[in-house]
C-alpha atoms as a PDB file:
ATOM      1  CA  UNK A   1      13.557   5.128   6.284  1.00  0.00           C
ATOM      2  CA  UNK A   2       9.954   5.198   5.079  1.00  0.00           C
ATOM      3  CA  UNK A   3       7.935   2.064   4.687  1.00  0.00           C
ATOM      4  CA  UNK A   4       6.707   1.073   1.238  1.00  0.00           C
ATOM      5  CA  UNK A   5       3.841  -1.012  -0.047  1.00  0.00           C
ATOM      6  CA  UNK A   6       4.969  -3.779  -2.403  1.00  0.00           C
ATOM      7  CA  UNK A   7       3.333  -5.981  -5.019  1.00  0.00           C
ATOM      8  CA  UNK A   8       1.514  -8.391  -2.736  1.00  0.00           C
ATOM      9  CA  UNK A   9      -0.979  -5.596  -1.983  1.00  0.00           C
ATOM     10  CA  UNK A  10      -2.032  -5.470  -5.629  1.00  0.00           C
ATOM     11  CA  UNK A  11      -5.527  -6.938  -6.086  1.00  0.00           C
ATOM     12  CA  UNK A  12      -5.807  -7.533  -2.314  1.00  0.00           C
ATOM     13  CA  UNK A  13      -5.851  -4.018  -0.847  1.00  0.00           C
ATOM     14  CA  UNK A  14      -6.275  -4.890   2.787  1.00  0.00           C
ATOM     15  CA  UNK A  15      -6.568  -1.674   4.766  1.00  0.00           C
ATOM     16  CA  UNK A  16      -5.769  -2.869   8.285  1.00  0.00           C
ATOM     17  CA  UNK A  17      -2.580  -0.806   8.004  1.00  0.00           C
ATOM     18  CA  UNK A  18      -4.501   2.391   7.348  1.00  0.00           C
ATOM     19  CA  UNK A  19      -6.415   2.222  10.608  1.00  0.00           C
ATOM     20  CA  UNK A  20      -3.224   2.200  12.719  1.00  0.00           C
ATOM     21  CA  UNK A  21      -1.245   4.872  10.860  1.00  0.00           C
ATOM     22  CA  UNK A  22      -0.763   7.868  13.181  1.00  0.00           C
ATOM     23  CA  UNK A  23      -0.015  10.308  10.341  1.00  0.00           C
ATOM     24  CA  UNK A  24      -2.490   9.210   7.627  1.00  0.00           C
ATOM     25  CA  UNK A  25       0.186   8.684   4.973  1.00  0.00           C
ATOM     26  CA  UNK A  26      -1.675   6.029   2.938  1.00  0.00           C
ATOM     27  CA  UNK A  27      -3.130   6.755  -0.486  1.00  0.00           C
ATOM     28  CA  UNK A  28      -5.588   4.586  -2.355  1.00  0.00           C
ATOM     29  CA  UNK A  29      -5.671   3.360  -5.902  1.00  0.00           C
ATOM     30  CA  UNK A  30      -8.287   1.183  -7.532  1.00  0.00           C
ATOM     31  CA  UNK A  31      -6.534  -2.053  -6.513  1.00  0.00           C
ATOM     32  CA  UNK A  32      -3.481  -1.010  -4.468  1.00  0.00           C
ATOM     33  CA  UNK A  33      -2.402   1.210  -1.574  1.00  0.00           C
ATOM     34  CA  UNK A  34       0.756   3.310  -1.336  1.00  0.00           C
ATOM     35  CA  UNK A  35       2.595   5.124   1.431  1.00  0.00           C
ATOM     36  CA  UNK A  36       3.721   8.708   0.869  1.00  0.00           C
ATOM     37  CA  UNK A  37       7.452   8.499   1.701  1.00  0.00           C
ATOM     38  CA  UNK A  38       7.678  12.158   2.750  1.00  0.00           C
ATOM     39  CA  UNK A  39       4.785  11.772   5.209  1.00  0.00           C
ATOM     40  CA  UNK A  40       5.767   8.407   6.713  1.00  0.00           C
ATOM     41  CA  UNK A  41       7.379   8.855  10.137  1.00  0.00           C
ATOM     42  CA  UNK A  42       8.939   5.394  10.084  1.00  0.00           C
ATOM     43  CA  UNK A  43       7.073   4.209  13.158  1.00  0.00           C
ATOM     44  CA  UNK A  44       6.508   0.752  11.668  1.00  0.00           C
ATOM     45  CA  UNK A  45       3.080   0.122  13.194  1.00  0.00           C
ATOM     46  CA  UNK A  46       1.591  -0.596   9.769  1.00  0.00           C
ATOM     47  CA  UNK A  47       3.966  -3.424   8.838  1.00  0.00           C
ATOM     48  CA  UNK A  48       2.670  -6.122  11.239  1.00  0.00           C
ATOM     49  CA  UNK A  49      -0.954  -5.145  10.504  1.00  0.00           C
ATOM     50  CA  UNK A  50      -0.779  -6.100   6.821  1.00  0.00           C
ATOM     51  CA  UNK A  51      -2.306  -9.574   6.337  1.00  0.00           C
ATOM     52  CA  UNK A  52      -0.581  -9.844   2.947  1.00  0.00           C
ATOM     53  CA  UNK A  53       2.838  -8.879   4.377  1.00  0.00           C
ATOM     54  CA  UNK A  54       3.128  -6.296   1.604  1.00  0.00           C
ATOM     55  CA  UNK A  55       4.619  -3.478   3.697  1.00  0.00           C
ATOM     56  CA  UNK A  56       8.401  -3.363   4.006  1.00  0.00           C
ATOM     57  CA  UNK A  57      10.990  -0.868   5.258  1.00  0.00           C
ATOM     58  CA  UNK A  58      12.720   0.794   2.320  1.00  0.00           C
ATOM     59  CA  UNK A  59      16.070  -0.431   3.637  1.00  0.00           C
ATOM     60  CA  UNK A  60      15.377  -3.939   2.345  1.00  0.00           C
ATOM     61  CA  UNK A  61      17.289  -4.649  -0.861  1.00  0.00           C
ATOM     62  CA  UNK A  62      15.474  -4.407  -4.174  1.00  0.00           C
ATOM     63  CA  UNK A  63      12.713  -2.023  -3.107  1.00  0.00           C
ATOM     64  CA  UNK A  64      13.881   1.039  -5.044  1.00  0.00           C
ATOM     65  CA  UNK A  65      11.211   0.685  -7.740  1.00  0.00           C
ATOM     66  CA  UNK A  66       8.525   0.305  -5.063  1.00  0.00           C
ATOM     67  CA  UNK A  67       9.682   3.430  -3.262  1.00  0.00           C
ATOM     68  CA  UNK A  68       9.430   5.358  -6.531  1.00  0.00           C
ATOM     69  CA  UNK A  69       6.043   3.856  -7.341  1.00  0.00           C
ATOM     70  CA  UNK A  70       4.708   4.690  -3.844  1.00  0.00           C
ATOM     71  CA  UNK A  71       5.978   8.274  -4.123  1.00  0.00           C
ATOM     72  CA  UNK A  72       4.542   8.797  -7.606  1.00  0.00           C
ATOM     73  CA  UNK A  73       1.057   7.459  -6.869  1.00  0.00           C
ATOM     74  CA  UNK A  74       0.838   9.192  -3.473  1.00  0.00           C
ATOM     75  CA  UNK A  75       0.908  12.468  -5.393  1.00  0.00           C
ATOM     76  CA  UNK A  76      -2.171  11.645  -7.482  1.00  0.00           C
ATOM     77  CA  UNK A  77      -4.302   9.196  -5.501  1.00  0.00           C
ATOM     78  CA  UNK A  78      -6.682  10.199  -2.698  1.00  0.00           C
ATOM     79  CA  UNK A  79      -5.687   9.877   0.929  1.00  0.00           C
ATOM     80  CA  UNK A  80      -7.300   7.038   2.871  1.00  0.00           C
ATOM     81  CA  UNK A  81      -7.664   7.260   6.649  1.00  0.00           C
ATOM     82  CA  UNK A  82     -10.135   4.524   7.591  1.00  0.00           C
ATOM     83  CA  UNK A  83     -10.216   0.770   7.246  1.00  0.00           C
ATOM     84  CA  UNK A  84     -12.346  -0.611   4.417  1.00  0.00           C
ATOM     85  CA  UNK A  85     -13.149  -4.111   3.262  1.00  0.00           C
ATOM     86  CA  UNK A  86     -10.464  -5.740   1.093  1.00  0.00           C
ATOM     87  CA  UNK A  87     -11.178  -6.463  -2.538  1.00  0.00           C
ATOM     88  CA  UNK A  88     -13.667  -9.322  -2.967  1.00  0.00           C
ATOM     89  CA  UNK A  89     -11.115 -11.817  -4.300  1.00  0.00           C
ATOM     90  CA  UNK A  90      -8.225 -10.713  -2.042  1.00  0.00           C
ATOM     91  CA  UNK A  91      -7.650 -14.170  -0.582  1.00  0.00           C
ATOM     92  CA  UNK A  92      -7.193 -15.695  -4.044  1.00  0.00           C
ATOM     93  CA  UNK A  93      -4.630 -13.033  -4.993  1.00  0.00           C
ATOM     94  CA  UNK A  94      -2.708 -13.034  -1.714  1.00  0.00           C
ATOM     95  CA  UNK A  95       0.705 -14.567  -2.357  1.00  0.00           C
ATOM     96  CA  UNK A  96       0.522 -14.563  -6.167  1.00  0.00           C
ATOM     97  CA  UNK A  97       3.962 -13.637  -7.511  1.00  0.00           C
ATOM     98  CA  UNK A  98       4.808 -10.774  -9.855  1.00  0.00           C
ATOM     99  CA  UNK A  99       1.552  -8.828  -9.607  1.00  0.00           C
ATOM    100  CA  UNK A 100       2.935  -5.519 -10.874  1.00  0.00           C
ATOM    101  CA  UNK A 101       1.370  -6.231 -14.263  1.00  0.00           C
ATOM    102  CA  UNK A 102      -2.073  -6.057 -12.620  1.00  0.00           C
ATOM    103  CA  UNK A 103      -1.564  -2.679 -10.937  1.00  0.00           C
ATOM    104  CA  UNK A 104      -4.244  -0.212 -11.983  1.00  0.00           C
ATOM    105  CA  UNK A 105      -3.028   3.382 -12.241  1.00  0.00           C
ATOM    106  CA  UNK A 106      -6.551   4.602 -11.534  1.00  0.00           C
ATOM    107  CA  UNK A 107      -7.339   6.281  -8.210  1.00  0.00           C
ATOM    108  CA  UNK A 108      -9.887   4.712  -5.890  1.00  0.00           C
ATOM    109  CA  UNK A 109     -13.440   5.809  -6.429  1.00  0.00           C
ATOM    110  CA  UNK A 110     -14.507   8.169  -3.677  1.00  0.00           C
ATOM    111  CA  UNK A 111     -17.688   7.466  -1.720  1.00  0.00           C
END
């Protein structure tokens, strides 16, 4: 039962979850984070850390597309292991419905 990042992370990209992950299974896109489902140990420590409440266990109904999306992008985006500032307009985007259309397929720019 891996955890998955869902659409409320899009255009917010809070990284509080990253700093508590014991196995570094988060990967970073330009405006979204994903969890690698094969690396996630299902500990659940990331879920309560997400200010946007975008992390869910994959056992919740309707998350199949998010599990696939997390798995696909985790293969091509860089790993992130430290907390970073959220996107500048994260608070305005937090809670906006149906944000999948705004998901950038681009990987995060590396420092």
